[in-house]
């Protein structure tokens, strides 16, 4: 089996990798003047858990996210939040920096970084629901 055939979840440290990635991402979100207003302050910890388990599942891990919340329906779940180009760009920037830190820490290969960033670019663009 080649690395590409093996799920990313198995090439990294499983759920713990995604928890560390999401922690790095949210360290930026909480100080990001564009993104922080989109998050209910009393639910940052919940958002972190949901994102970590979603990403773990998406990249080949257990179905913990779907077992708890059903189908991801990402666009529907984000519909209550106004997401325009500025929000998309801020989200992608913060996530790509977090992913880059995982590469720098030796926790993610450059090939997997490229795969993740490609997905995040597409997903962030898909979340846009407002002009401006």
Protein backbone atom coordinates (compact mmCIF):
# COMPACT_ATOMS: atom_id res chain seq x y z
CA UNK A 1 0.00 0.00 0.00
CA UNK A 2 1.40 3.41 -0.92
CA UNK A 3 1.17 6.46 1.31
CA UNK A 4 -1.53 7.95 -0.92
CA UNK A 5 -3.71 4.85 -0.47
CA UNK A 6 -3.29 4.89 3.30
CA UNK A 7 -5.64 7.40 4.94
CA UNK A 8 -3.94 10.54 6.20
CA UNK A 9 -5.42 9.73 9.62
CA UNK A 10 -3.13 6.68 9.73
CA UNK A 11 -0.05 8.61 8.52
CA UNK A 12 -0.33 11.13 11.33
CA UNK A 13 -0.92 10.71 15.07
CA UNK A 14 -4.63 9.95 14.64
CA UNK A 15 -7.14 12.11 16.50
CA UNK A 16 -4.38 13.70 18.58
CA UNK A 17 -2.85 15.20 15.43
CA UNK A 18 -6.14 16.85 14.52
CA UNK A 19 -6.62 18.14 18.07
CA UNK A 20 -3.18 19.79 17.91
CA UNK A 21 -3.92 21.22 14.44
CA UNK A 22 -7.23 22.65 15.61
CA UNK A 23 -5.59 24.09 18.73
CA UNK A 24 -3.08 25.92 16.52
CA UNK A 25 -5.89 27.15 14.27
CA UNK A 26 -8.05 28.42 17.13
CA UNK A 27 -5.10 30.16 18.76
CA UNK A 28 -5.31 32.42 15.71
CA UNK A 29 -9.10 32.56 15.48
CA UNK A 30 -9.54 33.97 18.98
CA UNK A 31 -7.38 36.99 18.08
CA UNK A 32 -8.57 37.35 14.50
CA UNK A 33 -10.80 40.44 14.18
CA UNK A 34 -12.51 39.01 11.09
CA UNK A 35 -13.21 35.49 12.39
CA UNK A 36 -13.77 35.83 16.12
CA UNK A 37 -17.11 37.65 15.70
CA UNK A 38 -18.43 34.57 13.87
CA UNK A 39 -17.90 32.31 16.89
CA UNK A 40 -20.11 32.33 19.95
CA UNK A 41 -17.59 33.02 22.73
CA UNK A 42 -19.17 30.46 25.02
CA UNK A 43 -18.74 27.72 22.41
CA UNK A 44 -15.09 27.96 21.35
CA UNK A 45 -14.27 24.69 23.12
CA UNK A 46 -17.23 22.98 21.46
CA UNK A 47 -16.24 24.34 18.06
CA UNK A 48 -12.71 23.02 18.56
CA UNK A 49 -13.95 19.54 19.40
CA UNK A 50 -16.36 19.47 16.47
CA UNK A 51 -13.71 20.60 13.99
CA UNK A 52 -11.10 18.16 15.28
CA UNK A 53 -13.47 15.21 15.02
CA UNK A 54 -14.80 16.33 11.65
CA UNK A 55 -11.27 16.57 10.24
CA UNK A 56 -10.25 13.24 11.76
CA UNK A 57 -13.27 11.58 10.16
CA UNK A 58 -12.80 13.35 6.82
CA UNK A 59 -9.18 12.22 6.64
CA UNK A 60 -9.98 8.55 7.32
CA UNK A 61 -10.50 8.31 11.06
CA UNK A 62 -13.42 7.12 13.14
CA UNK A 63 -16.96 8.36 12.53
CA UNK A 64 -17.16 10.08 15.92
CA UNK A 65 -18.31 13.34 14.32
CA UNK A 66 -21.15 11.81 12.30
CA UNK A 67 -22.15 9.51 15.14
CA UNK A 68 -22.71 12.57 17.34
CA UNK A 69 -23.99 15.10 14.80
CA UNK A 70 -25.15 13.26 11.70
CA UNK A 71 -24.05 14.16 8.19
CA UNK A 72 -21.61 17.10 8.24
CA UNK A 73 -23.75 19.32 5.97
CA UNK A 74 -21.05 21.96 6.25
CA UNK A 75 -22.74 24.67 4.22
CA UNK A 76 -26.03 24.26 6.09
CA UNK A 77 -24.33 24.30 9.50
CA UNK A 78 -22.52 27.52 8.58
CA UNK A 79 -25.57 29.21 7.01
CA UNK A 80 -26.39 31.30 10.11
CA UNK A 81 -23.01 33.03 9.82
CA UNK A 82 -22.27 35.69 7.22
CA UNK A 83 -19.29 34.35 5.31
CA UNK A 84 -17.93 36.51 2.54
CA UNK A 85 -14.58 36.68 0.80
CA UNK A 86 -12.90 38.36 3.80
CA UNK A 87 -14.06 35.63 6.17
CA UNK A 88 -13.07 32.91 3.72
CA UNK A 89 -9.63 34.42 3.28
CA UNK A 90 -9.10 34.84 7.03
CA UNK A 91 -10.23 31.27 7.73
CA UNK A 92 -7.99 29.82 5.03
CA UNK A 93 -5.02 31.96 6.12
CA UNK A 94 -5.33 30.88 9.75
CA UNK A 95 -5.79 27.23 8.82
CA UNK A 96 -2.93 27.21 6.33
CA UNK A 97 -0.61 28.73 8.94
CA UNK A 98 -1.67 26.04 11.42
CA UNK A 99 -1.06 23.31 8.84
CA UNK A 100 2.34 24.83 8.04
CA UNK A 101 3.28 24.70 11.71
CA UNK A 102 2.45 20.99 11.74
CA UNK A 103 4.90 20.50 8.85
CA UNK A 104 7.55 22.57 10.64
CA UNK A 105 7.05 20.44 13.76
CA UNK A 106 7.66 17.30 11.69
CA UNK A 107 4.11 16.05 12.24
CA UNK A 108 2.97 16.30 8.62
CA UNK A 109 4.71 15.68 5.30
CA UNK A 110 4.83 18.35 2.63
CA UNK A 111 2.79 16.08 0.33
CA UNK A 112 0.06 15.80 2.97
CA UNK A 113 0.28 19.55 3.58
CA UNK A 114 -0.50 20.10 -0.10
CA UNK A 115 -3.45 17.68 0.08
CA UNK A 116 -4.84 19.36 3.18
CA UNK A 117 -4.43 22.87 1.82
CA UNK A 118 -6.12 21.90 -1.42
CA UNK A 119 -9.11 20.58 0.52
CA UNK A 120 -9.21 23.60 2.85
CA UNK A 121 -9.07 25.99 -0.08
CA UNK A 122 -12.03 24.26 -1.72
CA UNK A 123 -14.01 23.93 1.53
CA UNK A 124 -13.46 27.57 2.50
CA UNK A 125 -14.66 28.73 -0.90
CA UNK A 126 -17.73 26.48 -0.59
CA UNK A 127 -18.73 28.17 2.69
CA UNK A 128 -19.15 31.63 1.13
CA UNK A 129 -22.77 32.66 1.50
CA UNK A 130 -22.55 36.45 1.23
CA UNK A 131 -21.08 39.00 -1.14
CA UNK A 132 -18.52 41.48 -0.07
